[in-house]
PDB file of N, CA and C in Angstrom:
ATOM      1  N   UNK A   1     -35.822  39.084 -18.343  1.00  0.00           N
ATOM      2  CA  UNK A   1     -35.820  37.792 -17.669  1.00  0.00           C
ATOM      3  C   UNK A   1     -34.751  36.869 -18.256  1.00  0.00           C
ATOM      4  N   UNK A   2     -34.566  36.915 -19.563  1.00  0.00           N
ATOM      5  CA  UNK A   2     -33.568  36.027 -20.176  1.00  0.00           C
ATOM      6  C   UNK A   2     -32.151  36.417 -19.778  1.00  0.00           C
ATOM      7  N   UNK A   3     -31.902  37.699 -19.573  1.00  0.00           N
ATOM      8  CA  UNK A   3     -30.554  38.094 -19.152  1.00  0.00           C
ATOM      9  C   UNK A   3     -30.265  37.616 -17.728  1.00  0.00           C
ATOM     10  N   UNK A   4     -31.265  37.583 -16.881  1.00  0.00           N
ATOM     11  CA  UNK A   4     -31.096  37.068 -15.529  1.00  0.00           C
ATOM     12  C   UNK A   4     -30.764  35.582 -15.556  1.00  0.00           C
ATOM     13  N   UNK A   5     -31.407  34.833 -16.405  1.00  0.00           N
ATOM     14  CA  UNK A   5     -31.123  33.408 -16.547  1.00  0.00           C
ATOM     15  C   UNK A   5     -29.702  33.197 -17.066  1.00  0.00           C
ATOM     16  N   UNK A   6     -29.264  34.036 -17.998  1.00  0.00           N
ATOM     17  CA  UNK A   6     -27.902  33.948 -18.513  1.00  0.00           C
ATOM     18  C   UNK A   6     -26.881  34.208 -17.405  1.00  0.00           C
ATOM     19  N   UNK A   7     -27.135  35.188 -16.582  1.00  0.00           N
ATOM     20  CA  UNK A   7     -26.223  35.503 -15.488  1.00  0.00           C
ATOM     21  C   UNK A   7     -26.178  34.357 -14.486  1.00  0.00           C
ATOM     22  N   UNK A   8     -27.324  33.777 -14.186  1.00  0.00           N
ATOM     23  CA  UNK A   8     -27.368  32.649 -13.248  1.00  0.00           C
ATOM     24  C   UNK A   8     -26.591  31.459 -13.800  1.00  0.00           C
ATOM     25  N   UNK A   9     -26.762  31.174 -15.082  1.00  0.00           N
ATOM     26  CA  UNK A   9     -26.009  30.069 -15.680  1.00  0.00           C
ATOM     27  C   UNK A   9     -24.514  30.349 -15.710  1.00  0.00           C
ATOM     28  N   UNK A  10     -24.120  31.584 -15.944  1.00  0.00           N
ATOM     29  CA  UNK A  10     -22.700  31.926 -15.915  1.00  0.00           C
ATOM     30  C   UNK A  10     -22.124  31.768 -14.513  1.00  0.00           C
ATOM     31  N   UNK A  11     -22.869  32.209 -13.502  1.00  0.00           N
ATOM     32  CA  UNK A  11     -22.410  32.029 -12.121  1.00  0.00           C
ATOM     33  C   UNK A  11     -22.329  30.545 -11.754  1.00  0.00           C
ATOM     34  N   UNK A  12     -23.316  29.780 -12.171  1.00  0.00           N
ATOM     35  CA  UNK A  12     -23.307  28.344 -11.908  1.00  0.00           C
ATOM     36  C   UNK A  12     -22.106  27.676 -12.573  1.00  0.00           C
ATOM     37  N   UNK A  13     -21.838  28.043 -13.802  1.00  0.00           N
ATOM     38  CA  UNK A  13     -20.697  27.502 -14.514  1.00  0.00           C
ATOM     39  C   UNK A  13     -19.391  27.887 -13.838  1.00  0.00           C
ATOM     40  N   UNK A  14     -19.274  29.143 -13.404  1.00  0.00           N
ATOM     41  CA  UNK A  14     -18.068  29.595 -12.721  1.00  0.00           C
ATOM     42  C   UNK A  14     -17.827  28.809 -11.443  1.00  0.00           C
ATOM     43  N   UNK A  15     -18.858  28.657 -10.616  1.00  0.00           N
ATOM     44  CA  UNK A  15     -18.677  27.955  -9.347  1.00  0.00           C
ATOM     45  C   UNK A  15     -18.422  26.463  -9.551  1.00  0.00           C
ATOM     46  N   UNK A  16     -19.005  25.877 -10.563  1.00  0.00           N
ATOM     47  CA  UNK A  16     -18.750  24.454 -10.827  1.00  0.00           C
ATOM     48  C   UNK A  16     -17.310  24.228 -11.291  1.00  0.00           C
ATOM     49  N   UNK A  17     -16.794  25.121 -12.109  1.00  0.00           N
ATOM     50  CA  UNK A  17     -15.436  24.947 -12.612  1.00  0.00           C
ATOM     51  C   UNK A  17     -14.373  25.334 -11.597  1.00  0.00           C
ATOM     52  N   UNK A  18     -14.697  26.209 -10.674  1.00  0.00           N
ATOM     53  CA  UNK A  18     -13.691  26.657  -9.706  1.00  0.00           C
ATOM     54  C   UNK A  18     -13.652  25.810  -8.440  1.00  0.00           C
ATOM     55  N   UNK A  19     -14.632  24.978  -8.214  1.00  0.00           N
ATOM     56  CA  UNK A  19     -14.638  24.157  -6.998  1.00  0.00           C
ATOM     57  C   UNK A  19     -14.097  22.764  -7.298  1.00  0.00           C
ATOM     58  N   UNK A  20     -13.676  22.096  -6.250  1.00  0.00           N
ATOM     59  CA  UNK A  20     -13.205  20.717  -6.378  1.00  0.00           C
ATOM     60  C   UNK A  20     -14.216  19.799  -5.721  1.00  0.00           C
ATOM     61  N   UNK A  21     -14.382  18.648  -6.295  1.00  0.00           N
ATOM     62  CA  UNK A  21     -15.347  17.692  -5.781  1.00  0.00           C
ATOM     63  C   UNK A  21     -14.675  16.480  -5.157  1.00  0.00           C
ATOM     64  N   UNK A  22     -13.370  16.533  -4.983  1.00  0.00           N
ATOM     65  CA  UNK A  22     -12.684  15.388  -4.393  1.00  0.00           C
ATOM     66  C   UNK A  22     -12.845  15.417  -2.881  1.00  0.00           C
ATOM     67  N   UNK A  23     -12.953  14.251  -2.320  1.00  0.00           N
ATOM     68  CA  UNK A  23     -13.103  14.124  -0.885  1.00  0.00           C
ATOM     69  C   UNK A  23     -11.738  13.816  -0.290  1.00  0.00           C
ATOM     70  N   UNK A  24     -11.319  14.596   0.672  1.00  0.00           N
ATOM     71  CA  UNK A  24     -10.028  14.389   1.298  1.00  0.00           C
ATOM     72  C   UNK A  24     -10.181  13.357   2.408  1.00  0.00           C
ATOM     73  N   UNK A  25      -9.263  12.413   2.437  1.00  0.00           N
ATOM     74  CA  UNK A  25      -9.317  11.358   3.443  1.00  0.00           C
ATOM     75  C   UNK A  25      -8.092  11.456   4.342  1.00  0.00           C
ATOM     76  N   UNK A  26      -8.238  10.983   5.540  1.00  0.00           N
ATOM     77  CA  UNK A  26      -7.122  10.960   6.476  1.00  0.00           C
ATOM     78  C   UNK A  26      -6.246   9.756   6.184  1.00  0.00           C
ATOM     79  N   UNK A  27      -4.960   9.956   6.258  1.00  0.00           N
ATOM     80  CA  UNK A  27      -3.999   8.882   6.083  1.00  0.00           C
ATOM     81  C   UNK A  27      -3.329   8.647   7.420  1.00  0.00           C
ATOM     82  N   UNK A  28      -3.381   7.414   7.874  1.00  0.00           N
ATOM     83  CA  UNK A  28      -2.820   7.082   9.162  1.00  0.00           C
ATOM     84  C   UNK A  28      -1.318   6.885   9.045  1.00  0.00           C
ATOM     85  N   UNK A  29      -0.548   7.661   9.781  1.00  0.00           N
ATOM     86  CA  UNK A  29       0.902   7.543   9.788  1.00  0.00           C
ATOM     87  C   UNK A  29       1.343   7.110  11.169  1.00  0.00           C
ATOM     88  N   UNK A  30       2.353   6.259  11.195  1.00  0.00           N
ATOM     89  CA  UNK A  30       2.865   5.825  12.491  1.00  0.00           C
ATOM     90  C   UNK A  30       4.377   5.922  12.468  1.00  0.00           C
ATOM     91  N   UNK A  31       4.933   6.352  13.571  1.00  0.00           N
ATOM     92  CA  UNK A  31       6.383   6.426  13.706  1.00  0.00           C
ATOM     93  C   UNK A  31       6.869   5.122  14.302  1.00  0.00           C
ATOM     94  N   UNK A  32       7.666   4.377  13.559  1.00  0.00           N
ATOM     95  CA  UNK A  32       8.139   3.080  14.045  1.00  0.00           C
ATOM     96  C   UNK A  32       9.478   3.186  14.736  1.00  0.00           C
ATOM     97  N   UNK A  33      10.140   4.316  14.644  1.00  0.00           N
ATOM     98  CA  UNK A  33      11.478   4.437  15.221  1.00  0.00           C
ATOM     99  C   UNK A  33      11.478   4.443  16.734  1.00  0.00           C
ATOM    100  N   UNK A  34      10.455   4.897  17.393  1.00  0.00           N
ATOM    101  CA  UNK A  34      10.452   5.007  18.839  1.00  0.00           C
ATOM    102  C   UNK A  34      10.108   3.733  19.570  1.00  0.00           C
ATOM    103  N   UNK A  35       9.698   2.684  18.873  1.00  0.00           N
ATOM    104  CA  UNK A  35       9.249   1.477  19.554  1.00  0.00           C
ATOM    105  C   UNK A  35      10.373   0.496  19.850  1.00  0.00           C
ATOM    106  N   UNK A  36      11.468   0.550  19.140  1.00  0.00           N
ATOM    107  CA  UNK A  36      12.519  -0.434  19.370  1.00  0.00           C
ATOM    108  C   UNK A  36      13.293  -0.071  20.626  1.00  0.00           C
ATOM    109  N   UNK A  37      13.675  -1.104  21.371  1.00  0.00           N
ATOM    110  CA  UNK A  37      14.395  -0.878  22.610  1.00  0.00           C
ATOM    111  C   UNK A  37      15.686  -1.666  22.600  1.00  0.00           C
ATOM    112  N   UNK A  38      16.767  -0.994  22.864  1.00  0.00           N
ATOM    113  CA  UNK A  38      18.051  -1.642  23.034  1.00  0.00           C
ATOM    114  C   UNK A  38      18.490  -2.476  21.851  1.00  0.00           C
ATOM    115  N   UNK A  39      18.839  -3.746  22.138  1.00  0.00           N
ATOM    116  CA  UNK A  39      19.380  -4.637  21.119  1.00  0.00           C
ATOM    117  C   UNK A  39      18.299  -5.301  20.285  1.00  0.00           C
ATOM    118  N   UNK A  40      17.044  -5.099  20.606  1.00  0.00           N
ATOM    119  CA  UNK A  40      15.970  -5.713  19.834  1.00  0.00           C
ATOM    120  C   UNK A  40      15.717  -4.905  18.574  1.00  0.00           C
ATOM    121  N   UNK A  41      16.383  -5.279  17.510  1.00  0.00           N
ATOM    122  CA  UNK A  41      16.186  -4.595  16.245  1.00  0.00           C
ATOM    123  C   UNK A  41      15.278  -5.435  15.365  1.00  0.00           C
ATOM    124  N   UNK A  42      14.505  -4.766  14.575  1.00  0.00           N
ATOM    125  CA  UNK A  42      13.598  -5.464  13.689  1.00  0.00           C
ATOM    126  C   UNK A  42      14.144  -5.423  12.275  1.00  0.00           C
ATOM    127  N   UNK A  43      13.811  -6.440  11.517  1.00  0.00           N
ATOM    128  CA  UNK A  43      14.302  -6.567  10.152  1.00  0.00           C
ATOM    129  C   UNK A  43      13.101  -6.605   9.217  1.00  0.00           C
ATOM    130  N   UNK A  44      13.030  -5.688   8.251  1.00  0.00           N
ATOM    131  CA  UNK A  44      11.923  -5.758   7.291  1.00  0.00           C
ATOM    132  C   UNK A  44      12.232  -6.757   6.184  1.00  0.00           C
ATOM    133  N   UNK A  45      11.201  -7.298   5.600  1.00  0.00           N
ATOM    134  CA  UNK A  45      11.339  -8.178   4.441  1.00  0.00           C
ATOM    135  C   UNK A  45      11.009  -7.361   3.198  1.00  0.00           C
ATOM    136  N   UNK A  46      11.795  -7.554   2.153  1.00  0.00           N
ATOM    137  CA  UNK A  46      11.570  -6.848   0.893  1.00  0.00           C
ATOM    138  C   UNK A  46      10.882  -7.796  -0.075  1.00  0.00           C
ATOM    139  N   UNK A  47       9.727  -7.394  -0.537  1.00  0.00           N
ATOM    140  CA  UNK A  47       8.915  -8.229  -1.413  1.00  0.00           C
ATOM    141  C   UNK A  47       8.668  -7.460  -2.703  1.00  0.00           C
ATOM    142  N   UNK A  48       9.043  -8.060  -3.838  1.00  0.00           N
ATOM    143  CA  UNK A  48       8.846  -7.412  -5.142  1.00  0.00           C
ATOM    144  C   UNK A  48       7.828  -8.218  -5.923  1.00  0.00           C
ATOM    145  N   UNK A  49       6.777  -7.541  -6.351  1.00  0.00           N
ATOM    146  CA  UNK A  49       5.692  -8.166  -7.097  1.00  0.00           C
ATOM    147  C   UNK A  49       5.729  -7.684  -8.536  1.00  0.00           C
ATOM    148  N   UNK A  50       5.840  -8.614  -9.454  1.00  0.00           N
ATOM    149  CA  UNK A  50       5.737  -8.279 -10.877  1.00  0.00           C
ATOM    150  C   UNK A  50       4.713  -9.218 -11.498  1.00  0.00           C
ATOM    151  N   UNK A  51       4.479  -9.079 -12.787  1.00  0.00           N
ATOM    152  CA  UNK A  51       3.431  -9.850 -13.451  1.00  0.00           C
ATOM    153  C   UNK A  51       3.728 -11.338 -13.475  1.00  0.00           C
ATOM    154  N   UNK A  52       5.004 -11.711 -13.553  1.00  0.00           N
ATOM    155  CA  UNK A  52       5.322 -13.129 -13.734  1.00  0.00           C
ATOM    156  C   UNK A  52       6.045 -13.772 -12.562  1.00  0.00           C
ATOM    157  N   UNK A  53       6.476 -12.986 -11.555  1.00  0.00           N
ATOM    158  CA  UNK A  53       7.173 -13.606 -10.433  1.00  0.00           C
ATOM    159  C   UNK A  53       7.090 -12.753  -9.183  1.00  0.00           C
ATOM    160  N   UNK A  54       7.433 -13.407  -8.063  1.00  0.00           N
ATOM    161  CA  UNK A  54       7.455 -12.756  -6.758  1.00  0.00           C
ATOM    162  C   UNK A  54       8.841 -12.988  -6.165  1.00  0.00           C
ATOM    163  N   UNK A  55       9.488 -11.904  -5.739  1.00  0.00           N
ATOM    164  CA  UNK A  55      10.803 -12.005  -5.128  1.00  0.00           C
ATOM    165  C   UNK A  55      10.688 -11.635  -3.659  1.00  0.00           C
ATOM    166  N   UNK A  56      11.196 -12.504  -2.788  1.00  0.00           N
ATOM    167  CA  UNK A  56      11.247 -12.251  -1.357  1.00  0.00           C
ATOM    168  C   UNK A  56      12.707 -12.136  -0.963  1.00  0.00           C
ATOM    169  N   UNK A  57      13.126 -10.930  -0.599  1.00  0.00           N
ATOM    170  CA  UNK A  57      14.528 -10.639  -0.282  1.00  0.00           C
ATOM    171  C   UNK A  57      15.457 -11.074  -1.411  1.00  0.00           C
ATOM    172  N   UNK A  58      15.028 -10.886  -2.652  1.00  0.00           N
ATOM    173  CA  UNK A  58      15.840 -11.191  -3.815  1.00  0.00           C
ATOM    174  C   UNK A  58      15.770 -12.624  -4.294  1.00  0.00           C
ATOM    175  N   UNK A  59      15.016 -13.475  -3.611  1.00  0.00           N
ATOM    176  CA  UNK A  59      14.900 -14.887  -3.977  1.00  0.00           C
ATOM    177  C   UNK A  59      13.481 -15.129  -4.484  1.00  0.00           C
ATOM    178  N   UNK A  60      13.379 -15.782  -5.625  1.00  0.00           N
ATOM    179  CA  UNK A  60      12.072 -16.037  -6.220  1.00  0.00           C
ATOM    180  C   UNK A  60      11.326 -17.112  -5.427  1.00  0.00           C
ATOM    181  N   UNK A  61      10.064 -16.815  -5.107  1.00  0.00           N
ATOM    182  CA  UNK A  61       9.211 -17.758  -4.393  1.00  0.00           C
ATOM    183  C   UNK A  61       7.891 -17.887  -5.142  1.00  0.00           C
ATOM    184  N   UNK A  62       7.245 -19.016  -4.956  1.00  0.00           N
ATOM    185  CA  UNK A  62       5.925 -19.238  -5.534  1.00  0.00           C
ATOM    186  C   UNK A  62       4.872 -18.550  -4.670  1.00  0.00           C
ATOM    187  N   UNK A  63       3.762 -18.209  -5.283  1.00  0.00           N
ATOM    188  CA  UNK A  63       2.694 -17.513  -4.567  1.00  0.00           C
ATOM    189  C   UNK A  63       2.130 -18.375  -3.435  1.00  0.00           C
ATOM    190  N   UNK A  64       2.022 -19.679  -3.672  1.00  0.00           N
ATOM    191  CA  UNK A  64       1.461 -20.567  -2.648  1.00  0.00           C
ATOM    192  C   UNK A  64       2.405 -20.747  -1.463  1.00  0.00           C
ATOM    193  N   UNK A  65       3.716 -20.640  -1.693  1.00  0.00           N
ATOM    194  CA  UNK A  65       4.698 -20.847  -0.630  1.00  0.00           C
ATOM    195  C   UNK A  65       5.081 -19.559   0.077  1.00  0.00           C
ATOM    196  N   UNK A  66       4.535 -18.429  -0.352  1.00  0.00           N
ATOM    197  CA  UNK A  66       4.931 -17.145   0.210  1.00  0.00           C
ATOM    198  C   UNK A  66       4.546 -17.010   1.681  1.00  0.00           C
ATOM    199  N   UNK A  67       3.354 -17.407   2.035  1.00  0.00           N
ATOM    200  CA  UNK A  67       2.912 -17.285   3.429  1.00  0.00           C
ATOM    201  C   UNK A  67       3.796 -18.108   4.356  1.00  0.00           C
ATOM    202  N   UNK A  68       4.158 -19.320   3.939  1.00  0.00           N
ATOM    203  CA  UNK A  68       5.038 -20.151   4.747  1.00  0.00           C
ATOM    204  C   UNK A  68       6.426 -19.556   4.905  1.00  0.00           C
ATOM    205  N   UNK A  69       6.954 -18.978   3.833  1.00  0.00           N
ATOM    206  CA  UNK A  69       8.277 -18.345   3.898  1.00  0.00           C
ATOM    207  C   UNK A  69       8.259 -17.131   4.819  1.00  0.00           C
ATOM    208  N   UNK A  70       7.197 -16.333   4.758  1.00  0.00           N
ATOM    209  CA  UNK A  70       7.103 -15.172   5.640  1.00  0.00           C
ATOM    210  C   UNK A  70       6.927 -15.581   7.101  1.00  0.00           C
ATOM    211  N   UNK A  71       6.175 -16.641   7.350  1.00  0.00           N
ATOM    212  CA  UNK A  71       6.027 -17.138   8.728  1.00  0.00           C
ATOM    213  C   UNK A  71       7.356 -17.659   9.251  1.00  0.00           C
ATOM    214  N   UNK A  72       8.138 -18.322   8.378  1.00  0.00           N
ATOM    215  CA  UNK A  72       9.454 -18.815   8.788  1.00  0.00           C
ATOM    216  C   UNK A  72      10.377 -17.642   9.097  1.00  0.00           C
ATOM    217  N   UNK A  73      10.349 -16.608   8.268  1.00  0.00           N
ATOM    218  CA  UNK A  73      11.155 -15.418   8.531  1.00  0.00           C
ATOM    219  C   UNK A  73      10.724 -14.731   9.819  1.00  0.00           C
ATOM    220  N   UNK A  74       9.445 -14.710  10.064  1.00  0.00           N
ATOM    221  CA  UNK A  74       8.939 -14.069  11.274  1.00  0.00           C
ATOM    222  C   UNK A  74       9.370 -14.832  12.517  1.00  0.00           C
ATOM    223  N   UNK A  75       9.437 -16.162  12.409  1.00  0.00           N
ATOM    224  CA  UNK A  75       9.860 -16.961  13.554  1.00  0.00           C
ATOM    225  C   UNK A  75      11.377 -16.878  13.761  1.00  0.00           C
ATOM    226  N   UNK A  76      12.150 -16.829  12.674  1.00  0.00           N
ATOM    227  CA  UNK A  76      13.616 -16.813  12.778  1.00  0.00           C
ATOM    228  C   UNK A  76      14.160 -15.447  13.163  1.00  0.00           C
ATOM    229  N   UNK A  77      13.614 -14.408  12.607  1.00  0.00           N
ATOM    230  CA  UNK A  77      14.080 -13.042  12.888  1.00  0.00           C
ATOM    231  C   UNK A  77      12.972 -12.272  13.568  1.00  0.00           C
ATOM    232  N   UNK A  78      13.236 -11.032  13.836  1.00  0.00           N
ATOM    233  CA  UNK A  78      12.210 -10.169  14.431  1.00  0.00           C
ATOM    234  C   UNK A  78      11.500  -9.393  13.319  1.00  0.00           C
ATOM    235  N   UNK A  79      10.929 -10.121  12.395  1.00  0.00           N
ATOM    236  CA  UNK A  79      10.253  -9.523  11.245  1.00  0.00           C
ATOM    237  C   UNK A  79       8.945  -8.891  11.695  1.00  0.00           C
ATOM    238  N   UNK A  80       8.812  -7.601  11.471  1.00  0.00           N
ATOM    239  CA  UNK A  80       7.553  -6.935  11.798  1.00  0.00           C
ATOM    240  C   UNK A  80       7.065  -6.047  10.668  1.00  0.00           C
ATOM    241  N   UNK A  81       7.822  -5.978   9.563  1.00  0.00           N
ATOM    242  CA  UNK A  81       7.422  -5.109   8.457  1.00  0.00           C
ATOM    243  C   UNK A  81       7.765  -5.767   7.134  1.00  0.00           C
ATOM    244  N   UNK A  82       6.914  -5.520   6.158  1.00  0.00           N
ATOM    245  CA  UNK A  82       7.148  -5.979   4.797  1.00  0.00           C
ATOM    246  C   UNK A  82       7.076  -4.757   3.894  1.00  0.00           C
ATOM    247  N   UNK A  83       8.129  -4.547   3.119  1.00  0.00           N
ATOM    248  CA  UNK A  83       8.146  -3.472   2.143  1.00  0.00           C
ATOM    249  C   UNK A  83       7.823  -4.094   0.799  1.00  0.00           C
ATOM    250  N   UNK A  84       6.681  -3.735   0.257  1.00  0.00           N
ATOM    251  CA  UNK A  84       6.171  -4.330  -0.971  1.00  0.00           C
ATOM    252  C   UNK A  84       6.397  -3.370  -2.129  1.00  0.00           C
ATOM    253  N   UNK A  85       7.211  -3.812  -3.076  1.00  0.00           N
ATOM    254  CA  UNK A  85       7.477  -3.028  -4.275  1.00  0.00           C
ATOM    255  C   UNK A  85       6.657  -3.625  -5.413  1.00  0.00           C
ATOM    256  N   UNK A  86       5.856  -2.796  -6.048  1.00  0.00           N
ATOM    257  CA  UNK A  86       4.969  -3.260  -7.110  1.00  0.00           C
ATOM    258  C   UNK A  86       5.509  -2.765  -8.447  1.00  0.00           C
ATOM    259  N   UNK A  87       5.816  -3.700  -9.321  1.00  0.00           N
ATOM    260  CA  UNK A  87       6.306  -3.355 -10.656  1.00  0.00           C
ATOM    261  C   UNK A  87       5.150  -2.839 -11.506  1.00  0.00           C
ATOM    262  N   UNK A  88       5.440  -2.026 -12.501  1.00  0.00           N
ATOM    263  CA  UNK A  88       4.366  -1.518 -13.370  1.00  0.00           C
ATOM    264  C   UNK A  88       3.658  -2.621 -14.162  1.00  0.00           C
ATOM    265  N   UNK A  89       4.295  -3.786 -14.293  1.00  0.00           N
ATOM    266  CA  UNK A  89       3.670  -4.866 -15.041  1.00  0.00           C
ATOM    267  C   UNK A  89       2.636  -5.630 -14.223  1.00  0.00           C
ATOM    268  N   UNK A  90       2.664  -5.485 -12.898  1.00  0.00           N
ATOM    269  CA  UNK A  90       1.703  -6.189 -12.046  1.00  0.00           C
ATOM    270  C   UNK A  90       0.337  -5.525 -12.155  1.00  0.00           C
ATOM    271  N   UNK A  91      -0.709  -6.346 -12.101  1.00  0.00           N
ATOM    272  CA  UNK A  91      -2.057  -5.776 -12.184  1.00  0.00           C
ATOM    273  C   UNK A  91      -2.666  -5.653 -10.788  1.00  0.00           C
ATOM    274  N   UNK A  92      -3.826  -5.067 -10.720  1.00  0.00           N
ATOM    275  CA  UNK A  92      -4.469  -4.784  -9.435  1.00  0.00           C
ATOM    276  C   UNK A  92      -4.882  -6.061  -8.708  1.00  0.00           C
ATOM    277  N   UNK A  93      -5.293  -7.086  -9.451  1.00  0.00           N
ATOM    278  CA  UNK A  93      -5.702  -8.331  -8.813  1.00  0.00           C
ATOM    279  C   UNK A  93      -4.520  -9.018  -8.129  1.00  0.00           C
ATOM    280  N   UNK A  94      -3.341  -8.955  -8.732  1.00  0.00           N
ATOM    281  CA  UNK A  94      -2.154  -9.537  -8.101  1.00  0.00           C
ATOM    282  C   UNK A  94      -1.805  -8.792  -6.820  1.00  0.00           C
ATOM    283  N   UNK A  95      -1.960  -7.479  -6.827  1.00  0.00           N
ATOM    284  CA  UNK A  95      -1.701  -6.698  -5.619  1.00  0.00           C
ATOM    285  C   UNK A  95      -2.693  -7.043  -4.519  1.00  0.00           C
ATOM    286  N   UNK A  96      -3.950  -7.188  -4.860  1.00  0.00           N
ATOM    287  CA  UNK A  96      -4.966  -7.539  -3.863  1.00  0.00           C
ATOM    288  C   UNK A  96      -4.697  -8.936  -3.300  1.00  0.00           C
ATOM    289  N   UNK A  97      -4.338  -9.884  -4.158  1.00  0.00           N
ATOM    290  CA  UNK A  97      -4.009 -11.226  -3.687  1.00  0.00           C
ATOM    291  C   UNK A  97      -2.820 -11.202  -2.735  1.00  0.00           C
ATOM    292  N   UNK A  98      -1.808 -10.392  -3.061  1.00  0.00           N
ATOM    293  CA  UNK A  98      -0.632 -10.286  -2.202  1.00  0.00           C
ATOM    294  C   UNK A  98      -0.993  -9.682  -0.859  1.00  0.00           C
ATOM    295  N   UNK A  99      -1.828  -8.658  -0.858  1.00  0.00           N
ATOM    296  CA  UNK A  99      -2.233  -8.034   0.401  1.00  0.00           C
ATOM    297  C   UNK A  99      -3.070  -8.976   1.255  1.00  0.00           C
ATOM    298  N   UNK A 100      -3.863  -9.844   0.624  1.00  0.00           N
ATOM    299  CA  UNK A 100      -4.623 -10.832   1.390  1.00  0.00           C
ATOM    300  C   UNK A 100      -3.701 -11.847   2.058  1.00  0.00           C
ATOM    301  N   UNK A 101      -2.632 -12.231   1.383  1.00  0.00           N
ATOM    302  CA  UNK A 101      -1.655 -13.147   1.986  1.00  0.00           C
ATOM    303  C   UNK A 101      -0.960 -12.460   3.155  1.00  0.00           C
ATOM    304  N   UNK A 102      -0.570 -11.206   2.983  1.00  0.00           N
ATOM    305  CA  UNK A 102       0.137 -10.479   4.039  1.00  0.00           C
ATOM    306  C   UNK A 102      -0.767 -10.153   5.215  1.00  0.00           C
ATOM    307  N   UNK A 103      -2.047 -10.019   4.954  1.00  0.00           N
ATOM    308  CA  UNK A 103      -2.987  -9.685   6.024  1.00  0.00           C
ATOM    309  C   UNK A 103      -3.139 -10.823   7.040  1.00  0.00           C
ATOM    310  N   UNK A 104      -2.906 -12.043   6.605  1.00  0.00           N
ATOM    311  CA  UNK A 104      -3.062 -13.199   7.490  1.00  0.00           C
ATOM    312  C   UNK A 104      -1.935 -13.308   8.509  1.00  0.00           C
ATOM    313  N   UNK A 105      -0.814 -12.612   8.279  1.00  0.00           N
ATOM    314  CA  UNK A 105       0.319 -12.679   9.205  1.00  0.00           C
ATOM    315  C   UNK A 105       0.082 -11.738  10.380  1.00  0.00           C
ATOM    316  N   UNK A 106       0.316 -12.212  11.603  1.00  0.00           N
ATOM    317  CA  UNK A 106       0.088 -11.349  12.764  1.00  0.00           C
ATOM    318  C   UNK A 106       1.214 -10.332  12.939  1.00  0.00           C
ATOM    319  N   UNK A 107       0.870  -9.136  13.365  1.00  0.00           N
ATOM    320  CA  UNK A 107       1.812  -8.078  13.706  1.00  0.00           C
ATOM    321  C   UNK A 107       2.760  -7.718  12.574  1.00  0.00           C
ATOM    322  N   UNK A 108       2.260  -7.623  11.368  1.00  0.00           N
ATOM    323  CA  UNK A 108       3.077  -7.241  10.219  1.00  0.00           C
ATOM    324  C   UNK A 108       2.554  -5.912   9.673  1.00  0.00           C
ATOM    325  N   UNK A 109       3.452  -4.942   9.540  1.00  0.00           N
ATOM    326  CA  UNK A 109       3.134  -3.670   8.901  1.00  0.00           C
ATOM    327  C   UNK A 109       3.555  -3.760   7.449  1.00  0.00           C
ATOM    328  N   UNK A 110       2.682  -3.357   6.552  1.00  0.00           N
ATOM    329  CA  UNK A 110       2.961  -3.425   5.116  1.00  0.00           C
ATOM    330  C   UNK A 110       3.108  -2.014   4.580  1.00  0.00           C
ATOM    331  N   UNK A 111       4.215  -1.784   3.887  1.00  0.00           N
ATOM    332  CA  UNK A 111       4.450  -0.505   3.228  1.00  0.00           C
ATOM    333  C   UNK A 111       4.572  -0.780   1.734  1.00  0.00           C
ATOM    334  N   UNK A 112       3.794  -0.076   0.945  1.00  0.00           N
ATOM    335  CA  UNK A 112       3.792  -0.282  -0.506  1.00  0.00           C
ATOM    336  C   UNK A 112       4.563   0.861  -1.148  1.00  0.00           C
ATOM    337  N   UNK A 113       5.553   0.480  -1.957  1.00  0.00           N
ATOM    338  CA  UNK A 113       6.330   1.465  -2.709  1.00  0.00           C
ATOM    339  C   UNK A 113       6.192   1.160  -4.187  1.00  0.00           C
ATOM    340  N   UNK A 114       6.494   2.132  -4.995  1.00  0.00           N
ATOM    341  CA  UNK A 114       6.378   1.964  -6.435  1.00  0.00           C
ATOM    342  C   UNK A 114       7.638   1.377  -7.018  1.00  0.00           C
TER     343      UNK A 114
END
């Protein structure tokens, strides 16, 4: 009886170590190249987030004034995308705050790069 228990525990150990417990999730991808027509070109905004400052298209902006600057860019140009670069010094709370600001803008696609 004890040898049977040993074999069962060995099989249990083998199956636990050989299986993966991660859950695979679907990632939504969209092709943006097919939507533009003719002379209507869209311009993305480049946003760099670091621990001590925020750069919008290479110009430093305050966190409180960022939404207004993005709305002005959206009204002046055909802004429909923001490319957000996150520096290694930025923390998760700063990223969440930035995404909440970007979420309030209508028709903006956000792409996060490292």
